[in-house]
Protein backbone atom coordinates (compact mmCIF):
# COMPACT_ATOMS: atom_id res chain seq x y z
CA UNK A 1 0.00 0.00 0.00
CA UNK A 2 1.73 3.18 -1.19
CA UNK A 3 1.34 6.27 0.96
CA UNK A 4 1.35 9.87 -0.22
CA UNK A 5 3.21 12.57 1.65
CA UNK A 6 0.51 15.07 2.55
CA UNK A 7 0.24 17.41 5.52
CA UNK A 8 -3.30 18.03 6.77
CA UNK A 9 -3.87 20.04 9.95
CA UNK A 10 -7.63 19.57 10.32
CA UNK A 11 -8.38 16.05 9.16
CA UNK A 12 -11.74 14.51 8.39
CA UNK A 13 -12.94 11.91 10.87
CA UNK A 14 -13.77 8.90 8.69
CA UNK A 15 -15.64 6.05 10.40
CA UNK A 16 -15.85 2.80 8.46
CA UNK A 17 -17.81 -0.35 9.09
CA UNK A 18 -15.75 -3.47 8.38
CA UNK A 19 -18.07 -6.24 7.15
CA UNK A 20 -19.35 -5.31 3.70
CA UNK A 21 -17.08 -2.24 3.57
CA UNK A 22 -13.45 -3.35 4.07
CA UNK A 23 -13.91 -7.11 4.47
CA UNK A 24 -16.56 -9.32 2.86
CA UNK A 25 -19.62 -9.92 5.02
CA UNK A 26 -20.90 -13.26 6.26
CA UNK A 27 -23.39 -13.93 3.45
CA UNK A 28 -21.18 -16.50 1.64
CA UNK A 29 -20.64 -18.29 4.97
CA UNK A 30 -24.39 -18.55 5.58
CA UNK A 31 -24.77 -19.91 2.05
CA UNK A 32 -22.04 -22.51 2.60
CA UNK A 33 -23.51 -23.66 5.90
CA UNK A 34 -27.03 -23.86 4.47
CA UNK A 35 -25.80 -26.15 1.68
CA UNK A 36 -25.62 -28.98 4.25
CA UNK A 37 -28.77 -27.95 6.08
CA UNK A 38 -32.48 -28.04 5.45
CA UNK A 39 -32.52 -24.30 6.14
CA UNK A 40 -31.96 -21.53 3.61
CA UNK A 41 -29.32 -18.83 4.22
CA UNK A 42 -32.15 -16.39 4.96
CA UNK A 43 -33.63 -18.74 7.54
CA UNK A 44 -30.26 -19.36 9.19
CA UNK A 45 -29.60 -15.64 9.48
CA UNK A 46 -33.11 -15.11 10.85
CA UNK A 47 -32.55 -17.69 13.61
CA UNK A 48 -29.12 -16.22 14.34
CA UNK A 49 -30.64 -12.76 14.77
CA UNK A 50 -33.43 -14.07 16.98
CA UNK A 51 -31.43 -16.48 19.13
CA UNK A 52 -27.84 -15.35 19.63
CA UNK A 53 -27.02 -12.24 17.57
CA UNK A 54 -26.87 -9.71 20.41
CA UNK A 55 -25.03 -11.91 22.90
CA UNK A 56 -22.59 -13.12 20.26
CA UNK A 57 -21.67 -9.73 18.79
CA UNK A 58 -21.37 -8.13 22.23
CA UNK A 59 -19.05 -10.86 23.50
CA UNK A 60 -21.44 -12.17 26.15
CA UNK A 61 -20.99 -15.68 24.81
CA UNK A 62 -17.72 -17.24 23.55
CA UNK A 63 -16.97 -17.99 19.92
CA UNK A 64 -17.34 -21.73 20.60
CA UNK A 65 -21.01 -21.17 21.43
CA UNK A 66 -21.55 -19.94 17.87
CA UNK A 67 -20.28 -23.22 16.44
CA UNK A 68 -22.43 -25.20 18.89
CA UNK A 69 -25.40 -23.16 17.73
CA UNK A 70 -24.53 -23.88 14.08
CA UNK A 71 -24.36 -27.62 14.78
CA UNK A 72 -27.75 -27.48 16.48
CA UNK A 73 -29.29 -26.20 13.24
CA UNK A 74 -26.99 -28.14 10.88
CA UNK A 75 -26.18 -31.44 12.66
CA UNK A 76 -24.40 -32.97 9.65
CA UNK A 77 -21.97 -30.07 9.34
CA UNK A 78 -18.27 -30.69 9.95
CA UNK A 79 -17.03 -27.90 12.24
CA UNK A 80 -13.51 -27.96 10.82
CA UNK A 81 -14.90 -27.38 7.34
CA UNK A 82 -17.22 -24.67 8.63
CA UNK A 83 -14.33 -22.79 10.25
CA UNK A 84 -12.34 -23.09 7.05
CA UNK A 85 -15.32 -21.77 5.10
CA UNK A 86 -15.52 -18.72 7.37
CA UNK A 87 -11.81 -17.95 7.02
CA UNK A 88 -11.96 -18.39 3.26
CA UNK A 89 -14.91 -16.04 2.87
CA UNK A 90 -13.62 -13.18 5.06
CA UNK A 91 -11.64 -11.49 2.31
CA UNK A 92 -10.45 -7.88 1.80
CA UNK A 93 -12.63 -5.71 -0.43
CA UNK A 94 -11.47 -2.92 -2.76
CA UNK A 95 -11.47 -0.22 -0.06
CA UNK A 96 -9.01 -2.18 2.06
CA UNK A 97 -6.10 -0.97 -0.07
CA UNK A 98 -7.28 2.65 0.12
CA UNK A 99 -6.78 3.01 3.87
CA UNK A 100 -3.08 3.91 3.79
CA UNK A 101 -3.64 6.85 1.43
CA UNK A 102 -6.87 7.93 3.11
CA UNK A 103 -5.08 8.10 6.45
CA UNK A 104 -3.01 11.02 5.08
CA UNK A 105 -6.20 13.05 4.68
CA UNK A 106 -8.44 11.66 7.41
CA UNK A 107 -8.34 10.10 10.84
CA UNK A 108 -9.59 6.56 10.19
CA UNK A 109 -11.83 4.85 12.75
CA UNK A 110 -13.25 1.35 12.32
CA UNK A 111 -16.61 0.46 13.87
CA UNK A 112 -17.87 -3.09 13.50
CA UNK A 113 -20.36 -5.60 14.82
CA UNK A 114 -18.00 -8.55 14.77
CA UNK A 115 -15.78 -10.91 16.73
CA UNK A 116 -12.27 -9.83 17.64
CA UNK A 117 -11.05 -13.41 17.04
CA UNK A 118 -12.22 -13.24 13.44
CA UNK A 119 -11.29 -9.69 12.50
CA UNK A 120 -8.08 -8.90 14.32
CA UNK A 121 -5.79 -11.05 12.12
CA UNK A 122 -7.33 -9.53 8.98
CA UNK A 123 -7.04 -5.94 10.17
CA UNK A 124 -3.41 -6.17 11.33
CA UNK A 125 -1.98 -4.62 8.13
CA UNK A 126 -4.24 -1.58 8.59
CA UNK A 127 -3.51 -0.85 12.24
CA UNK A 128 -0.63 1.62 11.58
CA UNK A 129 -3.15 3.79 9.70
CA UNK A 130 -5.99 3.70 12.26
CA UNK A 131 -6.88 6.18 14.99
CA UNK A 132 -9.25 3.72 16.63
CA UNK A 133 -10.75 0.26 16.12
CA UNK A 134 -14.02 -0.36 17.97
CA UNK A 135 -15.34 -3.92 17.71
CA UNK A 136 -18.57 -4.94 19.39
CA UNK A 137 -17.31 -8.14 21.02
CA UNK A 138 -14.61 -6.15 22.83
CA UNK A 139 -16.69 -3.20 24.07
CA UNK A 140 -19.87 -5.11 25.02
CA UNK A 141 -22.35 -3.26 22.81
CA UNK A 142 -23.22 -3.29 19.14
CA UNK A 143 -24.80 -1.20 16.40
CA UNK A 144 -27.34 0.31 16.35
CA UNK A 145 -27.00 0.82 20.13
CA UNK A 146 -26.04 4.48 20.60
CA UNK A 147 -23.40 3.57 23.20
CA UNK A 148 -20.99 2.11 20.65
CA UNK A 149 -21.18 5.27 18.52
CA UNK A 150 -20.36 7.37 21.57
CA UNK A 151 -17.27 5.25 22.17
CA UNK A 152 -16.06 5.97 18.64
CA UNK A 153 -16.96 9.66 18.98
CA UNK A 154 -14.71 9.92 22.03
CA UNK A 155 -11.70 9.07 19.84
CA UNK A 156 -12.14 12.01 17.46
CA UNK A 157 -9.33 14.57 17.45
CA UNK A 158 -11.74 17.19 16.06
CA UNK A 159 -15.26 17.44 14.68
CA UNK A 160 -14.40 19.40 11.53
CA UNK A 161 -16.20 16.92 9.28
CA UNK A 162 -17.31 13.40 10.21
CA UNK A 163 -18.32 10.73 7.72
CA UNK A 164 -19.62 7.25 8.50
CA UNK A 165 -19.77 4.48 5.90
CA UNK A 166 -21.83 1.35 6.55
CA UNK A 167 -23.50 -1.21 4.32
CA UNK A 168 -26.78 -1.12 6.29
CA UNK A 169 -28.89 2.02 6.53
CA UNK A 170 -30.44 0.81 9.80
CA UNK A 171 -27.14 1.71 11.49
CA UNK A 172 -27.27 5.39 10.50
CA UNK A 173 -29.79 6.90 12.94
CA UNK A 174 -27.51 7.05 16.04
CA UNK A 175 -24.67 8.42 13.90
CA UNK A 176 -26.86 11.24 12.57
CA UNK A 177 -27.88 12.10 16.14
CA UNK A 178 -24.19 12.72 16.90
CA UNK A 179 -23.86 14.95 13.85
CA UNK A 180 -22.09 12.45 11.60
CA UNK A 181 -22.63 12.48 7.84
CA UNK A 182 -23.54 9.04 6.49
CA UNK A 183 -22.85 7.16 3.27
CA UNK A 184 -24.09 3.73 2.26
CA UNK A 185 -21.48 1.26 1.02
CA UNK A 186 -23.06 0.04 -2.20
CA UNK A 187 -22.11 -3.38 -3.56
CA UNK A 188 -20.55 -1.87 -6.69
CA UNK A 189 -18.08 0.13 -4.61
CA UNK A 190 -19.14 3.51 -6.00
CA UNK A 191 -18.96 4.90 -2.45
CA UNK A 192 -15.14 4.68 -2.67
CA UNK A 193 -15.08 7.33 -5.37
CA UNK A 194 -17.38 9.54 -3.29
CA UNK A 195 -15.02 9.33 -0.33
CA UNK A 196 -12.06 10.13 -2.59
CA UNK A 197 -13.84 13.27 -3.80
CA UNK A 198 -14.68 14.36 -0.26
CA UNK A 199 -11.12 13.90 0.96
CA UNK A 200 -9.57 15.72 -1.99
CA UNK A 201 -11.96 18.64 -2.27
C-alpha atoms as a PDB file:
ATOM      1  CA  UNK A   1       0.000   0.000   0.000  1.00  0.00           C
ATOM      2  CA  UNK A   2       1.734   3.183  -1.194  1.00  0.00           C
ATOM      3  CA  UNK A   3       1.344   6.272   0.964  1.00  0.00           C
ATOM      4  CA  UNK A   4       1.346   9.870  -0.216  1.00  0.00           C
ATOM      5  CA  UNK A   5       3.206  12.573   1.649  1.00  0.00           C
ATOM      6  CA  UNK A   6       0.506  15.068   2.550  1.00  0.00           C
ATOM      7  CA  UNK A   7       0.239  17.412   5.525  1.00  0.00           C
ATOM      8  CA  UNK A   8      -3.295  18.033   6.772  1.00  0.00           C
ATOM      9  CA  UNK A   9      -3.871  20.042   9.946  1.00  0.00           C
ATOM     10  CA  UNK A  10      -7.627  19.567  10.319  1.00  0.00           C
ATOM     11  CA  UNK A  11      -8.383  16.051   9.160  1.00  0.00           C
ATOM     12  CA  UNK A  12     -11.738  14.512   8.389  1.00  0.00           C
ATOM     13  CA  UNK A  13     -12.944  11.908  10.867  1.00  0.00           C
ATOM     14  CA  UNK A  14     -13.765   8.897   8.688  1.00  0.00           C
ATOM     15  CA  UNK A  15     -15.638   6.051  10.398  1.00  0.00           C
ATOM     16  CA  UNK A  16     -15.848   2.802   8.463  1.00  0.00           C
ATOM     17  CA  UNK A  17     -17.810  -0.346   9.091  1.00  0.00           C
ATOM     18  CA  UNK A  18     -15.745  -3.470   8.383  1.00  0.00           C
ATOM     19  CA  UNK A  19     -18.070  -6.245   7.146  1.00  0.00           C
ATOM     20  CA  UNK A  20     -19.348  -5.309   3.696  1.00  0.00           C
ATOM     21  CA  UNK A  21     -17.076  -2.240   3.573  1.00  0.00           C
ATOM     22  CA  UNK A  22     -13.453  -3.351   4.066  1.00  0.00           C
ATOM     23  CA  UNK A  23     -13.914  -7.107   4.475  1.00  0.00           C
ATOM     24  CA  UNK A  24     -16.556  -9.317   2.864  1.00  0.00           C
ATOM     25  CA  UNK A  25     -19.619  -9.919   5.017  1.00  0.00           C
ATOM     26  CA  UNK A  26     -20.902 -13.263   6.261  1.00  0.00           C
ATOM     27  CA  UNK A  27     -23.392 -13.933   3.447  1.00  0.00           C
ATOM     28  CA  UNK A  28     -21.178 -16.501   1.644  1.00  0.00           C
ATOM     29  CA  UNK A  29     -20.644 -18.291   4.965  1.00  0.00           C
ATOM     30  CA  UNK A  30     -24.393 -18.547   5.576  1.00  0.00           C
ATOM     31  CA  UNK A  31     -24.774 -19.914   2.046  1.00  0.00           C
ATOM     32  CA  UNK A  32     -22.041 -22.510   2.598  1.00  0.00           C
ATOM     33  CA  UNK A  33     -23.512 -23.656   5.900  1.00  0.00           C
ATOM     34  CA  UNK A  34     -27.027 -23.862   4.472  1.00  0.00           C
ATOM     35  CA  UNK A  35     -25.796 -26.149   1.681  1.00  0.00           C
ATOM     36  CA  UNK A  36     -25.618 -28.981   4.247  1.00  0.00           C
ATOM     37  CA  UNK A  37     -28.765 -27.946   6.080  1.00  0.00           C
ATOM     38  CA  UNK A  38     -32.480 -28.037   5.449  1.00  0.00           C
ATOM     39  CA  UNK A  39     -32.520 -24.295   6.142  1.00  0.00           C
ATOM     40  CA  UNK A  40     -31.960 -21.535   3.613  1.00  0.00           C
ATOM     41  CA  UNK A  41     -29.322 -18.832   4.219  1.00  0.00           C
ATOM     42  CA  UNK A  42     -32.153 -16.393   4.956  1.00  0.00           C
ATOM     43  CA  UNK A  43     -33.634 -18.742   7.544  1.00  0.00           C
ATOM     44  CA  UNK A  44     -30.262 -19.360   9.191  1.00  0.00           C
ATOM     45  CA  UNK A  45     -29.600 -15.637   9.482  1.00  0.00           C
ATOM     46  CA  UNK A  46     -33.114 -15.113  10.853  1.00  0.00           C
ATOM     47  CA  UNK A  47     -32.551 -17.695  13.611  1.00  0.00           C
ATOM     48  CA  UNK A  48     -29.124 -16.225  14.336  1.00  0.00           C
ATOM     49  CA  UNK A  49     -30.637 -12.763  14.773  1.00  0.00           C
ATOM     50  CA  UNK A  50     -33.435 -14.070  16.979  1.00  0.00           C
ATOM     51  CA  UNK A  51     -31.427 -16.478  19.129  1.00  0.00           C
ATOM     52  CA  UNK A  52     -27.837 -15.353  19.627  1.00  0.00           C
ATOM     53  CA  UNK A  53     -27.020 -12.245  17.570  1.00  0.00           C
ATOM     54  CA  UNK A  54     -26.866  -9.707  20.411  1.00  0.00           C
ATOM     55  CA  UNK A  55     -25.027 -11.910  22.901  1.00  0.00           C
ATOM     56  CA  UNK A  56     -22.586 -13.115  20.263  1.00  0.00           C
ATOM     57  CA  UNK A  57     -21.674  -9.733  18.793  1.00  0.00           C
ATOM     58  CA  UNK A  58     -21.367  -8.130  22.234  1.00  0.00           C
ATOM     59  CA  UNK A  59     -19.047 -10.859  23.503  1.00  0.00           C
ATOM     60  CA  UNK A  60     -21.444 -12.167  26.154  1.00  0.00           C
ATOM     61  CA  UNK A  61     -20.987 -15.682  24.807  1.00  0.00           C
ATOM     62  CA  UNK A  62     -17.721 -17.237  23.546  1.00  0.00           C
ATOM     63  CA  UNK A  63     -16.973 -17.991  19.924  1.00  0.00           C
ATOM     64  CA  UNK A  64     -17.343 -21.732  20.597  1.00  0.00           C
ATOM     65  CA  UNK A  65     -21.014 -21.167  21.426  1.00  0.00           C
ATOM     66  CA  UNK A  66     -21.554 -19.938  17.869  1.00  0.00           C
ATOM     67  CA  UNK A  67     -20.278 -23.218  16.437  1.00  0.00           C
ATOM     68  CA  UNK A  68     -22.433 -25.204  18.886  1.00  0.00           C
ATOM     69  CA  UNK A  69     -25.405 -23.162  17.728  1.00  0.00           C
ATOM     70  CA  UNK A  70     -24.528 -23.878  14.085  1.00  0.00           C
ATOM     71  CA  UNK A  71     -24.356 -27.617  14.776  1.00  0.00           C
ATOM     72  CA  UNK A  72     -27.751 -27.484  16.478  1.00  0.00           C
ATOM     73  CA  UNK A  73     -29.288 -26.203  13.238  1.00  0.00           C
ATOM     74  CA  UNK A  74     -26.992 -28.138  10.879  1.00  0.00           C
ATOM     75  CA  UNK A  75     -26.184 -31.438  12.657  1.00  0.00           C
ATOM     76  CA  UNK A  76     -24.401 -32.974   9.651  1.00  0.00           C
ATOM     77  CA  UNK A  77     -21.967 -30.073   9.340  1.00  0.00           C
ATOM     78  CA  UNK A  78     -18.270 -30.688   9.947  1.00  0.00           C
ATOM     79  CA  UNK A  79     -17.027 -27.900  12.243  1.00  0.00           C
ATOM     80  CA  UNK A  80     -13.512 -27.963  10.818  1.00  0.00           C
ATOM     81  CA  UNK A  81     -14.900 -27.381   7.336  1.00  0.00           C
ATOM     82  CA  UNK A  82     -17.220 -24.671   8.631  1.00  0.00           C
ATOM     83  CA  UNK A  83     -14.330 -22.787  10.252  1.00  0.00           C
ATOM     84  CA  UNK A  84     -12.341 -23.089   7.046  1.00  0.00           C
ATOM     85  CA  UNK A  85     -15.321 -21.772   5.099  1.00  0.00           C
ATOM     86  CA  UNK A  86     -15.519 -18.717   7.367  1.00  0.00           C
ATOM     87  CA  UNK A  87     -11.807 -17.947   7.018  1.00  0.00           C
ATOM     88  CA  UNK A  88     -11.959 -18.395   3.258  1.00  0.00           C
ATOM     89  CA  UNK A  89     -14.911 -16.036   2.871  1.00  0.00           C
ATOM     90  CA  UNK A  90     -13.620 -13.185   5.063  1.00  0.00           C
ATOM     91  CA  UNK A  91     -11.643 -11.488   2.310  1.00  0.00           C
ATOM     92  CA  UNK A  92     -10.450  -7.879   1.799  1.00  0.00           C
ATOM     93  CA  UNK A  93     -12.630  -5.714  -0.433  1.00  0.00           C
ATOM     94  CA  UNK A  94     -11.470  -2.922  -2.763  1.00  0.00           C
ATOM     95  CA  UNK A  95     -11.472  -0.220  -0.061  1.00  0.00           C
ATOM     96  CA  UNK A  96      -9.007  -2.181   2.059  1.00  0.00           C
ATOM     97  CA  UNK A  97      -6.103  -0.971  -0.075  1.00  0.00           C
ATOM     98  CA  UNK A  98      -7.279   2.652   0.125  1.00  0.00           C
ATOM     99  CA  UNK A  99      -6.776   3.013   3.869  1.00  0.00           C
ATOM    100  CA  UNK A 100      -3.076   3.913   3.794  1.00  0.00           C
ATOM    101  CA  UNK A 101      -3.637   6.846   1.427  1.00  0.00           C
ATOM    102  CA  UNK A 102      -6.865   7.930   3.107  1.00  0.00           C
ATOM    103  CA  UNK A 103      -5.080   8.095   6.450  1.00  0.00           C
ATOM    104  CA  UNK A 104      -3.015  11.022   5.080  1.00  0.00           C
ATOM    105  CA  UNK A 105      -6.199  13.051   4.678  1.00  0.00           C
ATOM    106  CA  UNK A 106      -8.444  11.663   7.408  1.00  0.00           C
ATOM    107  CA  UNK A 107      -8.341  10.098  10.835  1.00  0.00           C
ATOM    108  CA  UNK A 108      -9.589   6.559  10.192  1.00  0.00           C
ATOM    109  CA  UNK A 109     -11.828   4.849  12.749  1.00  0.00           C
ATOM    110  CA  UNK A 110     -13.254   1.346  12.325  1.00  0.00           C
ATOM    111  CA  UNK A 111     -16.612   0.461  13.872  1.00  0.00           C
ATOM    112  CA  UNK A 112     -17.874  -3.089  13.501  1.00  0.00           C
ATOM    113  CA  UNK A 113     -20.356  -5.596  14.821  1.00  0.00           C
ATOM    114  CA  UNK A 114     -18.000  -8.547  14.771  1.00  0.00           C
ATOM    115  CA  UNK A 115     -15.778 -10.905  16.728  1.00  0.00           C
ATOM    116  CA  UNK A 116     -12.272  -9.834  17.638  1.00  0.00           C
ATOM    117  CA  UNK A 117     -11.054 -13.415  17.043  1.00  0.00           C
ATOM    118  CA  UNK A 118     -12.221 -13.241  13.441  1.00  0.00           C
ATOM    119  CA  UNK A 119     -11.291  -9.693  12.496  1.00  0.00           C
ATOM    120  CA  UNK A 120      -8.082  -8.896  14.319  1.00  0.00           C
ATOM    121  CA  UNK A 121      -5.787 -11.049  12.123  1.00  0.00           C
ATOM    122  CA  UNK A 122      -7.326  -9.533   8.979  1.00  0.00           C
ATOM    123  CA  UNK A 123      -7.044  -5.940  10.166  1.00  0.00           C
ATOM    124  CA  UNK A 124      -3.413  -6.169  11.335  1.00  0.00           C
ATOM    125  CA  UNK A 125      -1.979  -4.624   8.126  1.00  0.00           C
ATOM    126  CA  UNK A 126      -4.242  -1.583   8.591  1.00  0.00           C
ATOM    127  CA  UNK A 127      -3.510  -0.850  12.245  1.00  0.00           C
ATOM    128  CA  UNK A 128      -0.634   1.619  11.585  1.00  0.00           C
ATOM    129  CA  UNK A 129      -3.150   3.791   9.703  1.00  0.00           C
ATOM    130  CA  UNK A 130      -5.990   3.700  12.256  1.00  0.00           C
ATOM    131  CA  UNK A 131      -6.879   6.176  14.985  1.00  0.00           C
ATOM    132  CA  UNK A 132      -9.252   3.718  16.630  1.00  0.00           C
ATOM    133  CA  UNK A 133     -10.746   0.261  16.124  1.00  0.00           C
ATOM    134  CA  UNK A 134     -14.020  -0.364  17.969  1.00  0.00           C
ATOM    135  CA  UNK A 135     -15.336  -3.915  17.714  1.00  0.00           C
ATOM    136  CA  UNK A 136     -18.573  -4.945  19.395  1.00  0.00           C
ATOM    137  CA  UNK A 137     -17.312  -8.145  21.018  1.00  0.00           C
ATOM    138  CA  UNK A 138     -14.607  -6.147  22.829  1.00  0.00           C
ATOM    139  CA  UNK A 139     -16.690  -3.197  24.071  1.00  0.00           C
ATOM    140  CA  UNK A 140     -19.866  -5.107  25.018  1.00  0.00           C
ATOM    141  CA  UNK A 141     -22.346  -3.257  22.809  1.00  0.00           C
ATOM    142  CA  UNK A 142     -23.223  -3.291  19.136  1.00  0.00           C
ATOM    143  CA  UNK A 143     -24.801  -1.202  16.402  1.00  0.00           C
ATOM    144  CA  UNK A 144     -27.344   0.310  16.349  1.00  0.00           C
ATOM    145  CA  UNK A 145     -27.003   0.824  20.133  1.00  0.00           C
ATOM    146  CA  UNK A 146     -26.036   4.484  20.603  1.00  0.00           C
ATOM    147  CA  UNK A 147     -23.403   3.572  23.197  1.00  0.00           C
ATOM    148  CA  UNK A 148     -20.992   2.114  20.654  1.00  0.00           C
ATOM    149  CA  UNK A 149     -21.179   5.271  18.518  1.00  0.00           C
ATOM    150  CA  UNK A 150     -20.357   7.374  21.571  1.00  0.00           C
ATOM    151  CA  UNK A 151     -17.270   5.247  22.172  1.00  0.00           C
ATOM    152  CA  UNK A 152     -16.056   5.970  18.643  1.00  0.00           C
ATOM    153  CA  UNK A 153     -16.964   9.657  18.979  1.00  0.00           C
ATOM    154  CA  UNK A 154     -14.709   9.923  22.035  1.00  0.00           C
ATOM    155  CA  UNK A 155     -11.701   9.071  19.837  1.00  0.00           C
ATOM    156  CA  UNK A 156     -12.140  12.013  17.464  1.00  0.00           C
ATOM    157  CA  UNK A 157      -9.334  14.575  17.446  1.00  0.00           C
ATOM    158  CA  UNK A 158     -11.735  17.190  16.056  1.00  0.00           C
ATOM    159  CA  UNK A 159     -15.265  17.442  14.677  1.00  0.00           C
ATOM    160  CA  UNK A 160     -14.404  19.398  11.535  1.00  0.00           C
ATOM    161  CA  UNK A 161     -16.199  16.915   9.280  1.00  0.00           C
ATOM    162  CA  UNK A 162     -17.313  13.404  10.207  1.00  0.00           C
ATOM    163  CA  UNK A 163     -18.325  10.729   7.724  1.00  0.00           C
ATOM    164  CA  UNK A 164     -19.616   7.253   8.499  1.00  0.00           C
ATOM    165  CA  UNK A 165     -19.766   4.481   5.897  1.00  0.00           C
ATOM    166  CA  UNK A 166     -21.830   1.353   6.548  1.00  0.00           C
ATOM    167  CA  UNK A 167     -23.502  -1.214   4.316  1.00  0.00           C
ATOM    168  CA  UNK A 168     -26.775  -1.116   6.286  1.00  0.00           C
ATOM    169  CA  UNK A 169     -28.893   2.022   6.534  1.00  0.00           C
ATOM    170  CA  UNK A 170     -30.442   0.811   9.802  1.00  0.00           C
ATOM    171  CA  UNK A 171     -27.145   1.706  11.489  1.00  0.00           C
ATOM    172  CA  UNK A 172     -27.267   5.385  10.501  1.00  0.00           C
ATOM    173  CA  UNK A 173     -29.793   6.899  12.939  1.00  0.00           C
ATOM    174  CA  UNK A 174     -27.515   7.048  16.038  1.00  0.00           C
ATOM    175  CA  UNK A 175     -24.669   8.421  13.899  1.00  0.00           C
ATOM    176  CA  UNK A 176     -26.856  11.238  12.572  1.00  0.00           C
ATOM    177  CA  UNK A 177     -27.877  12.097  16.145  1.00  0.00           C
ATOM    178  CA  UNK A 178     -24.189  12.722  16.897  1.00  0.00           C
ATOM    179  CA  UNK A 179     -23.856  14.954  13.848  1.00  0.00           C
ATOM    180  CA  UNK A 180     -22.095  12.455  11.595  1.00  0.00           C
ATOM    181  CA  UNK A 181     -22.633  12.480   7.838  1.00  0.00           C
ATOM    182  CA  UNK A 182     -23.535   9.040   6.485  1.00  0.00           C
ATOM    183  CA  UNK A 183     -22.846   7.163   3.268  1.00  0.00           C
ATOM    184  CA  UNK A 184     -24.094   3.732   2.262  1.00  0.00           C
ATOM    185  CA  UNK A 185     -21.477   1.258   1.020  1.00  0.00           C
ATOM    186  CA  UNK A 186     -23.063   0.036  -2.203  1.00  0.00           C
ATOM    187  CA  UNK A 187     -22.113  -3.378  -3.561  1.00  0.00           C
ATOM    188  CA  UNK A 188     -20.554  -1.873  -6.689  1.00  0.00           C
ATOM    189  CA  UNK A 189     -18.081   0.129  -4.610  1.00  0.00           C
ATOM    190  CA  UNK A 190     -19.142   3.510  -5.996  1.00  0.00           C
ATOM    191  CA  UNK A 191     -18.957   4.901  -2.455  1.00  0.00           C
ATOM    192  CA  UNK A 192     -15.144   4.683  -2.666  1.00  0.00           C
ATOM    193  CA  UNK A 193     -15.080   7.332  -5.369  1.00  0.00           C
ATOM    194  CA  UNK A 194     -17.379   9.541  -3.288  1.00  0.00           C
ATOM    195  CA  UNK A 195     -15.018   9.335  -0.333  1.00  0.00           C
ATOM    196  CA  UNK A 196     -12.056  10.134  -2.591  1.00  0.00           C
ATOM    197  CA  UNK A 197     -13.836  13.275  -3.805  1.00  0.00           C
ATOM    198  CA  UNK A 198     -14.679  14.362  -0.262  1.00  0.00           C
ATOM    199  CA  UNK A 199     -11.116  13.897   0.958  1.00  0.00           C
ATOM    200  CA  UNK A 200      -9.565  15.721  -1.989  1.00  0.00           C
ATOM    201  CA  UNK A 201     -11.959  18.640  -2.267  1.00  0.00           C
END
